[in-house]
Amino acid sequence: MFYTVITEKNGMMRCCTILLLVAFLFSCAGGEVKNSMNTDSSSDSVLIQNKVSHVDVDSDVEIDFKNAVVLLQESKYQQAISILITVIEREKRLPAPYVNLAMAHNALGDTKAAEENLISALKLDIGHPVANNELGMLYRKKGRFKAARTAYENAIKDNPDYLPAIKNLGILCDLYIRDYDCALQQFEDYLELKPDDKTVAIWVADVKQRSGK
């Protein structure tokens, strides 16, 4: 199942793509910015298998969910929130609506509601890569670096090829925790999956130089 990828650049969030191949089993992923000079402006798209067992969803719920995603793409966050709340009232078995609701709240600056919905998503799927990645970003911005690291690691544990979380954990370890071994490992893991990323290759060289490796 494909997830819509959202990247963060210079504090601004933007949806990069929407793929409605599987209407209900996708959400939005985030990416952090190492700094404005070195940010890769391209998004990280990955194929993710949703771990939730197959759930039959009413057609009206599916339609509303699609409409909410379109509203998110159009940055109509309040309208998307209104629809997603009704979706969750009718269908509480899947994490995707909670994740998208969290993204909408976060875009409007309501980080408390964003956190609550991400936690709700993780109660349904503790290893959900998108929810964990978003929660990691949220905690990092709040200065809760240990919690952010745990969230990123939870995303990677069951989804070792999920590039946004790998990169974000590397950034967290490098710039905020100063754990250069961790940072180097994440960036090198990232390059194994995406060897043509010249920006991350520069980060690897930079970390090695600063850590004396």
N, C-alpha and C. Protein backbone atom coordinates (compact mmCIF):
# COMPACT_ATOMS: atom_id res chain seq x y z
N MET A 1 0.83 -1.18 0.00
CA MET A 1 0.00 0.00 0.00
C MET A 1 0.87 1.24 0.00
N PHE A 2 0.50 2.22 -0.78
CA PHE A 2 1.27 3.44 -0.83
C PHE A 2 0.75 4.44 0.19
N TYR A 3 1.67 5.23 0.71
CA TYR A 3 1.30 6.30 1.61
C TYR A 3 1.58 7.63 0.92
N THR A 4 0.73 8.60 1.17
CA THR A 4 1.04 9.94 0.71
C THR A 4 2.24 10.43 1.51
N VAL A 5 3.19 11.04 0.83
CA VAL A 5 4.39 11.50 1.50
C VAL A 5 4.33 13.01 1.68
N ILE A 6 4.54 13.45 2.89
CA ILE A 6 4.63 14.87 3.17
C ILE A 6 6.03 15.16 3.64
N THR A 7 6.67 16.15 3.06
CA THR A 7 7.99 16.54 3.51
C THR A 7 7.89 17.90 4.15
N GLU A 8 8.87 18.19 5.00
CA GLU A 8 8.91 19.46 5.69
C GLU A 8 10.16 20.18 5.23
N LYS A 9 10.02 21.38 4.70
CA LYS A 9 11.16 22.14 4.23
C LYS A 9 11.00 23.58 4.70
N ASN A 10 12.04 24.05 5.46
CA ASN A 10 12.00 25.40 5.99
C ASN A 10 10.72 25.66 6.77
N GLY A 11 10.29 24.65 7.52
CA GLY A 11 9.13 24.82 8.38
C GLY A 11 7.80 24.69 7.69
N MET A 12 7.78 24.49 6.39
CA MET A 12 6.53 24.38 5.64
C MET A 12 6.28 22.93 5.27
N MET A 13 5.00 22.53 5.35
CA MET A 13 4.64 21.16 5.00
C MET A 13 3.91 21.15 3.68
N ARG A 14 4.20 20.14 2.86
CA ARG A 14 3.52 20.06 1.58
C ARG A 14 3.31 18.60 1.22
N CYS A 15 2.15 18.30 0.69
CA CYS A 15 1.90 16.95 0.19
C CYS A 15 2.57 16.80 -1.16
N CYS A 16 3.31 15.75 -1.33
CA CYS A 16 4.04 15.56 -2.58
C CYS A 16 3.28 14.68 -3.56
N THR A 17 2.54 13.73 -3.06
CA THR A 17 1.83 12.86 -3.98
C THR A 17 0.69 12.18 -3.27
N ILE A 18 -0.36 11.92 -4.00
CA ILE A 18 -1.45 11.12 -3.45
C ILE A 18 -1.69 9.97 -4.40
N LEU A 19 -1.63 8.77 -3.87
CA LEU A 19 -1.85 7.58 -4.66
C LEU A 19 -3.01 6.81 -4.03
N LEU A 20 -4.14 6.85 -4.67
CA LEU A 20 -5.33 6.22 -4.12
C LEU A 20 -5.51 4.80 -4.64
N LEU A 21 -4.42 4.03 -4.62
CA LEU A 21 -4.49 2.66 -5.11
C LEU A 21 -5.25 1.78 -4.14
N VAL A 22 -5.06 2.03 -2.86
CA VAL A 22 -5.83 1.33 -1.84
C VAL A 22 -6.42 2.41 -0.97
N ALA A 23 -7.71 2.62 -1.05
CA ALA A 23 -8.33 3.83 -0.55
C ALA A 23 -8.15 4.05 0.94
N PHE A 24 -8.14 2.99 1.73
CA PHE A 24 -8.18 3.20 3.17
C PHE A 24 -6.88 2.94 3.88
N LEU A 25 -5.94 2.27 3.23
CA LEU A 25 -4.75 1.87 3.95
C LEU A 25 -3.55 2.71 3.58
N PHE A 26 -3.71 4.03 3.66
CA PHE A 26 -2.55 4.87 3.47
C PHE A 26 -2.71 6.13 4.27
N SER A 27 -1.59 6.85 4.42
CA SER A 27 -1.64 8.07 5.21
C SER A 27 -0.53 8.98 4.75
N CYS A 28 -0.05 9.84 5.65
CA CYS A 28 0.98 10.82 5.29
C CYS A 28 2.24 10.58 6.09
N ALA A 29 3.39 10.72 5.43
CA ALA A 29 4.65 10.56 6.11
C ALA A 29 5.38 11.87 6.14
N GLY A 30 6.26 12.02 7.11
CA GLY A 30 6.95 13.29 7.23
C GLY A 30 8.43 13.14 7.09
N GLY A 31 9.13 14.24 6.83
CA GLY A 31 10.58 14.25 6.78
C GLY A 31 11.07 15.48 7.47
N GLU A 32 12.16 15.35 8.22
CA GLU A 32 12.69 16.50 8.92
C GLU A 32 13.75 17.18 8.07
N VAL A 33 14.10 18.38 8.50
CA VAL A 33 15.09 19.17 7.79
C VAL A 33 16.37 19.20 8.61
N LYS A 34 17.47 18.77 8.02
CA LYS A 34 18.75 18.81 8.74
C LYS A 34 19.18 20.27 8.88
N ASN A 35 19.18 20.98 7.81
CA ASN A 35 19.23 22.44 7.85
C ASN A 35 18.88 22.93 6.46
N SER A 36 18.60 24.22 6.34
CA SER A 36 18.06 24.73 5.08
C SER A 36 19.06 24.64 3.95
N MET A 37 20.35 24.56 4.26
CA MET A 37 21.36 24.50 3.22
C MET A 37 21.47 23.09 2.62
N ASN A 38 21.24 22.08 3.43
CA ASN A 38 21.52 20.72 3.01
C ASN A 38 20.28 19.87 2.77
N THR A 39 19.11 20.47 2.84
CA THR A 39 17.89 19.68 2.72
C THR A 39 17.69 19.15 1.32
N ASP A 40 17.36 17.87 1.25
CA ASP A 40 17.00 17.26 -0.02
C ASP A 40 15.55 17.61 -0.30
N SER A 41 15.29 18.35 -1.36
CA SER A 41 13.94 18.82 -1.64
C SER A 41 13.04 17.74 -2.20
N SER A 42 13.62 16.59 -2.58
CA SER A 42 12.79 15.50 -3.09
C SER A 42 12.19 14.74 -1.92
N SER A 43 11.04 14.08 -2.19
CA SER A 43 10.37 13.33 -1.12
C SER A 43 10.83 11.89 -1.14
N ASP A 44 10.62 11.22 -0.02
CA ASP A 44 10.98 9.80 0.11
C ASP A 44 9.72 8.97 0.00
N SER A 45 9.53 8.30 -1.12
CA SER A 45 8.35 7.47 -1.31
C SER A 45 8.71 6.01 -1.06
N VAL A 46 7.89 5.34 -0.30
CA VAL A 46 8.15 3.93 -0.01
C VAL A 46 6.87 3.13 -0.10
N LEU A 47 7.04 1.85 -0.37
CA LEU A 47 5.92 0.92 -0.40
C LEU A 47 5.86 0.24 0.95
N ILE A 48 4.70 0.36 1.61
CA ILE A 48 4.56 -0.17 2.96
C ILE A 48 3.38 -1.11 3.03
N GLN A 49 3.59 -2.26 3.63
CA GLN A 49 2.50 -3.18 3.88
C GLN A 49 1.87 -2.83 5.21
N ASN A 50 0.59 -2.49 5.19
CA ASN A 50 -0.11 -2.20 6.43
C ASN A 50 -0.34 -3.49 7.20
N LYS A 51 0.00 -3.51 8.48
CA LYS A 51 -0.06 -4.74 9.26
C LYS A 51 -1.47 -5.06 9.75
N VAL A 52 -2.38 -4.11 9.65
CA VAL A 52 -3.74 -4.37 10.11
C VAL A 52 -4.37 -5.39 9.19
N SER A 53 -5.04 -6.39 9.77
CA SER A 53 -5.71 -7.39 8.97
C SER A 53 -6.76 -6.74 8.08
N HIS A 54 -7.14 -7.45 7.04
CA HIS A 54 -8.12 -6.91 6.11
C HIS A 54 -9.41 -6.57 6.84
N VAL A 55 -9.89 -5.36 6.59
CA VAL A 55 -11.11 -4.89 7.22
C VAL A 55 -12.06 -4.43 6.13
N ASP A 56 -13.26 -4.95 6.14
CA ASP A 56 -14.27 -4.49 5.20
C ASP A 56 -14.80 -3.14 5.67
N VAL A 57 -14.75 -2.17 4.78
CA VAL A 57 -15.15 -0.81 5.11
C VAL A 57 -16.36 -0.42 4.30
N ASP A 58 -17.33 0.20 4.94
CA ASP A 58 -18.51 0.66 4.23
C ASP A 58 -18.12 1.65 3.14
N SER A 59 -18.81 1.59 2.03
CA SER A 59 -18.47 2.43 0.88
C SER A 59 -18.57 3.92 1.20
N ASP A 60 -19.53 4.32 2.03
CA ASP A 60 -19.66 5.73 2.35
C ASP A 60 -18.50 6.23 3.20
N VAL A 61 -17.99 5.34 4.06
CA VAL A 61 -16.82 5.69 4.87
C VAL A 61 -15.60 5.84 3.97
N GLU A 62 -15.45 4.92 3.03
CA GLU A 62 -14.32 4.98 2.10
C GLU A 62 -14.36 6.25 1.27
N ILE A 63 -15.52 6.61 0.80
CA ILE A 63 -15.66 7.83 0.00
C ILE A 63 -15.30 9.06 0.82
N ASP A 64 -15.79 9.11 2.05
CA ASP A 64 -15.48 10.24 2.91
C ASP A 64 -13.99 10.32 3.20
N PHE A 65 -13.37 9.16 3.39
CA PHE A 65 -11.93 9.14 3.64
C PHE A 65 -11.16 9.71 2.44
N LYS A 66 -11.55 9.29 1.24
CA LYS A 66 -10.92 9.82 0.03
C LYS A 66 -11.10 11.33 -0.05
N ASN A 67 -12.29 11.80 0.23
CA ASN A 67 -12.55 13.23 0.17
C ASN A 67 -11.70 14.00 1.18
N ALA A 68 -11.50 13.40 2.36
CA ALA A 68 -10.67 14.05 3.37
C ALA A 68 -9.22 14.15 2.91
N VAL A 69 -8.74 13.11 2.24
CA VAL A 69 -7.37 13.13 1.75
C VAL A 69 -7.19 14.23 0.69
N VAL A 70 -8.18 14.38 -0.17
CA VAL A 70 -8.13 15.44 -1.18
C VAL A 70 -8.09 16.81 -0.50
N LEU A 71 -8.88 16.98 0.54
CA LEU A 71 -8.87 18.24 1.28
C LEU A 71 -7.52 18.50 1.93
N LEU A 72 -6.88 17.46 2.43
CA LEU A 72 -5.54 17.61 2.99
C LEU A 72 -4.56 18.06 1.91
N GLN A 73 -4.69 17.48 0.73
CA GLN A 73 -3.83 17.85 -0.40
C GLN A 73 -4.02 19.32 -0.76
N GLU A 74 -5.22 19.79 -0.58
CA GLU A 74 -5.54 21.19 -0.90
C GLU A 74 -5.32 22.13 0.28
N SER A 75 -4.75 21.61 1.36
CA SER A 75 -4.47 22.39 2.58
C SER A 75 -5.75 22.92 3.23
N LYS A 76 -6.84 22.25 3.01
CA LYS A 76 -8.11 22.62 3.66
C LYS A 76 -8.25 21.77 4.92
N TYR A 77 -7.43 22.11 5.90
CA TYR A 77 -7.27 21.23 7.04
C TYR A 77 -8.50 21.14 7.93
N GLN A 78 -9.16 22.26 8.18
CA GLN A 78 -10.32 22.22 9.05
C GLN A 78 -11.45 21.39 8.45
N GLN A 79 -11.63 21.51 7.15
CA GLN A 79 -12.65 20.71 6.48
C GLN A 79 -12.29 19.22 6.53
N ALA A 80 -11.00 18.95 6.35
CA ALA A 80 -10.55 17.56 6.42
C ALA A 80 -10.77 16.99 7.82
N ILE A 81 -10.51 17.80 8.83
CA ILE A 81 -10.71 17.36 10.21
C ILE A 81 -12.16 16.99 10.45
N SER A 82 -13.06 17.82 9.99
CA SER A 82 -14.49 17.56 10.20
C SER A 82 -14.90 16.23 9.59
N ILE A 83 -14.40 15.94 8.39
CA ILE A 83 -14.77 14.68 7.74
C ILE A 83 -14.10 13.49 8.43
N LEU A 84 -12.82 13.64 8.78
CA LEU A 84 -12.10 12.54 9.40
C LEU A 84 -12.68 12.16 10.76
N ILE A 85 -13.19 13.13 11.47
CA ILE A 85 -13.84 12.82 12.75
C ILE A 85 -15.04 11.92 12.53
N THR A 86 -15.82 12.21 11.50
CA THR A 86 -16.98 11.36 11.22
C THR A 86 -16.55 9.98 10.73
N VAL A 87 -15.43 9.94 9.99
CA VAL A 87 -14.91 8.65 9.52
C VAL A 87 -14.54 7.78 10.72
N ILE A 88 -13.84 8.37 11.69
CA ILE A 88 -13.41 7.62 12.87
C ILE A 88 -14.60 7.21 13.73
N GLU A 89 -15.62 8.03 13.78
CA GLU A 89 -16.82 7.66 14.53
C GLU A 89 -17.45 6.39 13.97
N ARG A 90 -17.30 6.19 12.66
CA ARG A 90 -17.91 5.03 12.02
C ARG A 90 -16.95 3.86 11.85
N GLU A 91 -15.65 4.14 11.85
CA GLU A 91 -14.65 3.09 11.60
C GLU A 91 -13.42 3.34 12.48
N LYS A 92 -13.30 2.54 13.53
CA LYS A 92 -12.23 2.75 14.51
C LYS A 92 -11.16 1.66 14.45
N ARG A 93 -11.18 0.82 13.43
CA ARG A 93 -10.29 -0.33 13.41
C ARG A 93 -9.00 -0.11 12.65
N LEU A 94 -8.84 1.00 11.97
CA LEU A 94 -7.66 1.24 11.14
C LEU A 94 -6.93 2.51 11.59
N PRO A 95 -5.59 2.51 11.52
CA PRO A 95 -4.82 3.67 11.99
C PRO A 95 -4.80 4.85 11.03
N ALA A 96 -5.03 4.62 9.74
CA ALA A 96 -4.84 5.69 8.76
C ALA A 96 -5.67 6.94 9.03
N PRO A 97 -6.96 6.83 9.37
CA PRO A 97 -7.72 8.06 9.64
C PRO A 97 -7.15 8.86 10.81
N TYR A 98 -6.67 8.16 11.83
CA TYR A 98 -6.08 8.85 12.97
C TYR A 98 -4.80 9.59 12.58
N VAL A 99 -3.99 8.95 11.72
CA VAL A 99 -2.75 9.58 11.28
C VAL A 99 -3.04 10.83 10.46
N ASN A 100 -3.99 10.72 9.54
CA ASN A 100 -4.32 11.88 8.72
C ASN A 100 -4.94 13.00 9.55
N LEU A 101 -5.73 12.61 10.54
CA LEU A 101 -6.32 13.61 11.44
C LEU A 101 -5.21 14.31 12.23
N ALA A 102 -4.23 13.55 12.66
CA ALA A 102 -3.09 14.13 13.37
C ALA A 102 -2.33 15.11 12.48
N MET A 103 -2.14 14.74 11.21
CA MET A 103 -1.44 15.63 10.27
C MET A 103 -2.20 16.95 10.10
N ALA A 104 -3.52 16.86 10.00
CA ALA A 104 -4.33 18.07 9.83
C ALA A 104 -4.23 18.96 11.07
N HIS A 105 -4.34 18.36 12.24
CA HIS A 105 -4.23 19.14 13.48
C HIS A 105 -2.84 19.78 13.60
N ASN A 106 -1.82 19.02 13.25
CA ASN A 106 -0.46 19.53 13.35
C ASN A 106 -0.25 20.71 12.41
N ALA A 107 -0.84 20.62 11.21
CA ALA A 107 -0.72 21.71 10.25
C ALA A 107 -1.37 22.99 10.77
N LEU A 108 -2.37 22.84 11.62
CA LEU A 108 -3.05 24.00 12.21
C LEU A 108 -2.43 24.42 13.54
N GLY A 109 -1.37 23.74 13.94
CA GLY A 109 -0.67 24.12 15.15
C GLY A 109 -1.18 23.49 16.42
N ASP A 110 -2.11 22.56 16.31
CA ASP A 110 -2.66 21.89 17.48
C ASP A 110 -1.87 20.60 17.72
N THR A 111 -0.72 20.74 18.35
CA THR A 111 0.16 19.59 18.54
C THR A 111 -0.40 18.61 19.56
N LYS A 112 -1.20 19.08 20.50
CA LYS A 112 -1.79 18.18 21.48
C LYS A 112 -2.74 17.20 20.81
N ALA A 113 -3.62 17.73 19.97
CA ALA A 113 -4.55 16.86 19.25
C ALA A 113 -3.80 15.94 18.29
N ALA A 114 -2.74 16.47 17.68
CA ALA A 114 -1.94 15.64 16.77
C ALA A 114 -1.33 14.46 17.52
N GLU A 115 -0.76 14.73 18.69
CA GLU A 115 -0.15 13.67 19.48
C GLU A 115 -1.19 12.63 19.91
N GLU A 116 -2.34 13.10 20.34
CA GLU A 116 -3.40 12.18 20.80
C GLU A 116 -3.83 11.24 19.68
N ASN A 117 -3.96 11.75 18.47
CA ASN A 117 -4.40 10.92 17.36
C ASN A 117 -3.31 9.97 16.89
N LEU A 118 -2.07 10.39 16.97
CA LEU A 118 -0.98 9.49 16.61
C LEU A 118 -0.89 8.33 17.60
N ILE A 119 -1.08 8.63 18.87
CA ILE A 119 -1.07 7.58 19.88
C ILE A 119 -2.24 6.62 19.65
N SER A 120 -3.39 7.17 19.25
CA SER A 120 -4.54 6.31 18.95
C SER A 120 -4.21 5.37 17.78
N ALA A 121 -3.51 5.89 16.78
CA ALA A 121 -3.12 5.06 15.65
C ALA A 121 -2.17 3.95 16.09
N LEU A 122 -1.23 4.29 16.98
CA LEU A 122 -0.25 3.31 17.43
C LEU A 122 -0.85 2.27 18.36
N LYS A 123 -1.95 2.58 19.00
CA LYS A 123 -2.65 1.57 19.80
C LYS A 123 -3.20 0.47 18.90
N LEU A 124 -3.49 0.83 17.66
CA LEU A 124 -3.97 -0.15 16.69
C LEU A 124 -2.83 -0.88 16.00
N ASP A 125 -1.70 -0.20 15.85
CA ASP A 125 -0.53 -0.80 15.18
C ASP A 125 0.72 -0.13 15.73
N ILE A 126 1.33 -0.74 16.75
CA ILE A 126 2.46 -0.14 17.46
C ILE A 126 3.65 0.13 16.54
N GLY A 127 3.76 -0.63 15.46
CA GLY A 127 4.89 -0.45 14.55
C GLY A 127 4.56 0.37 13.32
N HIS A 128 3.39 1.02 13.30
CA HIS A 128 2.98 1.78 12.12
C HIS A 128 4.05 2.81 11.77
N PRO A 129 4.69 2.68 10.61
CA PRO A 129 5.84 3.52 10.30
C PRO A 129 5.51 5.00 10.18
N VAL A 130 4.39 5.32 9.57
CA VAL A 130 4.04 6.72 9.37
C VAL A 130 3.68 7.39 10.69
N ALA A 131 2.87 6.71 11.49
CA ALA A 131 2.48 7.26 12.79
C ALA A 131 3.70 7.47 13.68
N ASN A 132 4.60 6.50 13.71
CA ASN A 132 5.80 6.63 14.52
C ASN A 132 6.70 7.75 14.01
N ASN A 133 6.82 7.86 12.70
CA ASN A 133 7.66 8.91 12.14
C ASN A 133 7.10 10.30 12.47
N GLU A 134 5.80 10.45 12.32
CA GLU A 134 5.16 11.72 12.65
C GLU A 134 5.31 12.03 14.14
N LEU A 135 5.13 11.02 14.98
CA LEU A 135 5.26 11.23 16.42
C LEU A 135 6.69 11.59 16.78
N GLY A 136 7.65 10.97 16.11
CA GLY A 136 9.04 11.30 16.34
C GLY A 136 9.34 12.75 16.00
N MET A 137 8.80 13.23 14.89
CA MET A 137 8.99 14.62 14.51
C MET A 137 8.37 15.56 15.54
N LEU A 138 7.18 15.19 16.00
CA LEU A 138 6.48 16.01 16.98
C LEU A 138 7.27 16.10 18.29
N TYR A 139 7.75 14.96 18.75
CA TYR A 139 8.53 14.95 19.99
C TYR A 139 9.85 15.68 19.83
N ARG A 140 10.47 15.55 18.68
CA ARG A 140 11.74 16.26 18.44
C ARG A 140 11.53 17.77 18.54
N LYS A 141 10.44 18.26 17.98
CA LYS A 141 10.16 19.70 18.03
C LYS A 141 9.86 20.18 19.44
N LYS A 142 9.35 19.26 20.28
CA LYS A 142 9.06 19.60 21.67
C LYS A 142 10.28 19.42 22.58
N GLY A 143 11.38 18.97 22.00
CA GLY A 143 12.59 18.75 22.79
C GLY A 143 12.60 17.44 23.55
N ARG A 144 11.68 16.55 23.23
CA ARG A 144 11.60 15.23 23.88
C ARG A 144 12.39 14.23 23.04
N PHE A 145 13.70 14.37 23.07
CA PHE A 145 14.56 13.65 22.15
C PHE A 145 14.56 12.14 22.40
N LYS A 146 14.50 11.72 23.65
CA LYS A 146 14.48 10.29 23.95
C LYS A 146 13.21 9.66 23.39
N ALA A 147 12.08 10.33 23.58
CA ALA A 147 10.81 9.81 23.06
C ALA A 147 10.82 9.81 21.54
N ALA A 148 11.42 10.83 20.95
CA ALA A 148 11.50 10.90 19.49
C ALA A 148 12.32 9.74 18.95
N ARG A 149 13.43 9.47 19.63
CA ARG A 149 14.28 8.35 19.18
C ARG A 149 13.52 7.03 19.25
N THR A 150 12.79 6.83 20.32
CA THR A 150 12.02 5.59 20.46
C THR A 150 11.00 5.46 19.34
N ALA A 151 10.34 6.56 19.01
CA ALA A 151 9.33 6.53 17.94
C ALA A 151 9.97 6.17 16.60
N TYR A 152 11.08 6.80 16.27
CA TYR A 152 11.75 6.48 15.01
C TYR A 152 12.22 5.03 14.99
N GLU A 153 12.76 4.57 16.11
CA GLU A 153 13.23 3.19 16.17
C GLU A 153 12.08 2.20 16.04
N ASN A 154 10.92 2.54 16.59
CA ASN A 154 9.74 1.68 16.43
C ASN A 154 9.31 1.60 14.97
N ALA A 155 9.44 2.72 14.27
CA ALA A 155 9.09 2.74 12.84
C ALA A 155 10.02 1.84 12.05
N ILE A 156 11.31 1.91 12.36
CA ILE A 156 12.32 1.17 11.60
C ILE A 156 12.34 -0.32 11.96
N LYS A 157 12.00 -0.63 13.20
CA LYS A 157 12.07 -2.02 13.67
C LYS A 157 11.30 -2.97 12.76
N ASP A 158 10.08 -2.62 12.45
CA ASP A 158 9.25 -3.49 11.62
C ASP A 158 9.25 -3.08 10.15
N ASN A 159 9.88 -1.95 9.85
CA ASN A 159 9.92 -1.44 8.48
C ASN A 159 11.32 -0.92 8.18
N PRO A 160 12.30 -1.83 8.08
CA PRO A 160 13.70 -1.41 7.97
C PRO A 160 14.05 -0.67 6.69
N ASP A 161 13.13 -0.63 5.73
CA ASP A 161 13.40 0.11 4.50
C ASP A 161 12.60 1.41 4.43
N TYR A 162 12.06 1.86 5.56
CA TYR A 162 11.25 3.08 5.58
C TYR A 162 12.18 4.29 5.69
N LEU A 163 12.49 4.87 4.57
CA LEU A 163 13.52 5.90 4.48
C LEU A 163 13.29 7.14 5.34
N PRO A 164 12.09 7.71 5.40
CA PRO A 164 11.92 8.92 6.22
C PRO A 164 12.35 8.74 7.67
N ALA A 165 11.97 7.63 8.29
CA ALA A 165 12.33 7.41 9.69
C ALA A 165 13.82 7.18 9.85
N ILE A 166 14.43 6.48 8.90
CA ILE A 166 15.88 6.25 8.97
C ILE A 166 16.61 7.59 8.91
N LYS A 167 16.23 8.42 7.96
CA LYS A 167 16.87 9.73 7.83
C LYS A 167 16.63 10.59 9.06
N ASN A 168 15.38 10.60 9.54
CA ASN A 168 15.05 11.45 10.68
C ASN A 168 15.76 11.02 11.95
N LEU A 169 15.92 9.71 12.13
CA LEU A 169 16.67 9.23 13.29
C LEU A 169 18.13 9.65 13.18
N GLY A 170 18.67 9.58 11.98
CA GLY A 170 20.04 10.04 11.79
C GLY A 170 20.21 11.51 12.12
N ILE A 171 19.26 12.32 11.68
CA ILE A 171 19.30 13.76 11.96
C ILE A 171 19.19 14.02 13.45
N LEU A 172 18.27 13.31 14.09
CA LEU A 172 18.09 13.46 15.53
C LEU A 172 19.38 13.12 16.27
N CYS A 173 19.97 11.98 15.93
CA CYS A 173 21.20 11.56 16.60
C CYS A 173 22.35 12.53 16.34
N ASP A 174 22.40 13.07 15.14
CA ASP A 174 23.50 13.97 14.77
C ASP A 174 23.37 15.33 15.43
N LEU A 175 22.26 16.00 15.21
CA LEU A 175 22.13 17.40 15.60
C LEU A 175 21.60 17.62 17.01
N TYR A 176 20.86 16.67 17.54
CA TYR A 176 20.19 16.91 18.82
C TYR A 176 20.73 16.06 19.96
N ILE A 177 21.05 14.81 19.69
CA ILE A 177 21.56 13.91 20.73
C ILE A 177 23.08 13.87 20.73
N ARG A 178 23.68 14.20 19.61
CA ARG A 178 25.13 14.15 19.43
C ARG A 178 25.67 12.73 19.57
N ASP A 179 24.88 11.78 19.15
CA ASP A 179 25.30 10.37 19.11
C ASP A 179 25.75 10.09 17.68
N TYR A 180 27.02 10.34 17.44
CA TYR A 180 27.52 10.27 16.07
C TYR A 180 27.56 8.85 15.52
N ASP A 181 27.76 7.87 16.39
CA ASP A 181 27.72 6.48 15.92
C ASP A 181 26.33 6.14 15.40
N CYS A 182 25.33 6.55 16.13
CA CYS A 182 23.94 6.34 15.70
C CYS A 182 23.67 7.07 14.39
N ALA A 183 24.08 8.34 14.32
CA ALA A 183 23.84 9.14 13.12
C ALA A 183 24.49 8.50 11.90
N LEU A 184 25.75 8.10 12.06
CA LEU A 184 26.48 7.51 10.95
C LEU A 184 25.82 6.21 10.49
N GLN A 185 25.39 5.40 11.44
CA GLN A 185 24.74 4.14 11.10
C GLN A 185 23.47 4.38 10.30
N GLN A 186 22.66 5.35 10.73
CA GLN A 186 21.40 5.61 10.04
C GLN A 186 21.65 6.16 8.63
N PHE A 187 22.58 7.08 8.51
CA PHE A 187 22.85 7.65 7.19
C PHE A 187 23.43 6.61 6.25
N GLU A 188 24.27 5.74 6.77
CA GLU A 188 24.82 4.68 5.92
C GLU A 188 23.74 3.68 5.53
N ASP A 189 22.86 3.36 6.48
CA ASP A 189 21.74 2.47 6.15
C ASP A 189 20.86 3.11 5.08
N TYR A 190 20.66 4.40 5.19
CA TYR A 190 19.85 5.12 4.23
C TYR A 190 20.47 5.04 2.83
N LEU A 191 21.78 5.22 2.78
CA LEU A 191 22.46 5.19 1.48
C LEU A 191 22.47 3.80 0.86
N GLU A 192 22.41 2.78 1.67
CA GLU A 192 22.31 1.43 1.11
C GLU A 192 21.00 1.25 0.36
N LEU A 193 19.97 1.93 0.84
CA LEU A 193 18.66 1.84 0.20
C LEU A 193 18.49 2.87 -0.90
N LYS A 194 19.20 4.00 -0.76
CA LYS A 194 19.09 5.07 -1.75
C LYS A 194 20.49 5.62 -2.03
N PRO A 195 21.30 4.87 -2.75
CA PRO A 195 22.71 5.24 -2.93
C PRO A 195 22.96 6.49 -3.75
N ASP A 196 21.95 6.96 -4.47
CA ASP A 196 22.14 8.14 -5.31
C ASP A 196 21.85 9.44 -4.58
N ASP A 197 21.58 9.38 -3.28
CA ASP A 197 21.28 10.59 -2.51
C ASP A 197 22.58 11.28 -2.13
N LYS A 198 22.95 12.27 -2.89
CA LYS A 198 24.21 12.97 -2.68
C LYS A 198 24.21 13.79 -1.39
N THR A 199 23.04 14.28 -0.99
CA THR A 199 22.96 15.08 0.23
C THR A 199 23.32 14.25 1.45
N VAL A 200 22.74 13.08 1.55
CA VAL A 200 23.04 12.21 2.70
C VAL A 200 24.48 11.73 2.64
N ALA A 201 25.02 11.53 1.44
CA ALA A 201 26.44 11.16 1.31
C ALA A 201 27.33 12.24 1.91
N ILE A 202 26.95 13.50 1.70
CA ILE A 202 27.69 14.62 2.29
C ILE A 202 27.58 14.58 3.81
N TRP A 203 26.38 14.26 4.30
CA TRP A 203 26.19 14.17 5.75
C TRP A 203 27.08 13.09 6.35
N VAL A 204 27.23 11.97 5.66
CA VAL A 204 28.09 10.89 6.14
C VAL A 204 29.52 11.38 6.29
N ALA A 205 30.02 12.05 5.27
CA ALA A 205 31.39 12.58 5.31
C ALA A 205 31.53 13.60 6.43
N ASP A 206 30.50 14.42 6.62
CA ASP A 206 30.53 15.45 7.65
C ASP A 206 30.57 14.83 9.05
N VAL A 207 29.73 13.82 9.27
CA VAL A 207 29.71 13.16 10.58
C VAL A 207 31.04 12.48 10.86
N LYS A 208 31.59 11.83 9.84
CA LYS A 208 32.88 11.16 10.03
C LYS A 208 33.97 12.16 10.39
N GLN A 209 33.94 13.31 9.76
CA GLN A 209 34.96 14.32 10.04
C GLN A 209 34.82 14.87 11.45
N ARG A 210 33.58 15.16 11.85
CA ARG A 210 33.35 15.73 13.18
C ARG A 210 33.58 14.73 14.31
N SER A 211 33.37 13.45 14.00
CA SER A 211 33.54 12.43 15.03
C SER A 211 34.94 11.81 15.03
N GLY A 212 35.75 12.25 14.07
CA GLY A 212 37.11 11.74 13.98
C GLY A 212 37.22 10.34 13.47
N LYS A 213 36.24 9.88 12.73
CA LYS A 213 36.26 8.50 12.19
C LYS A 213 36.91 8.46 10.82
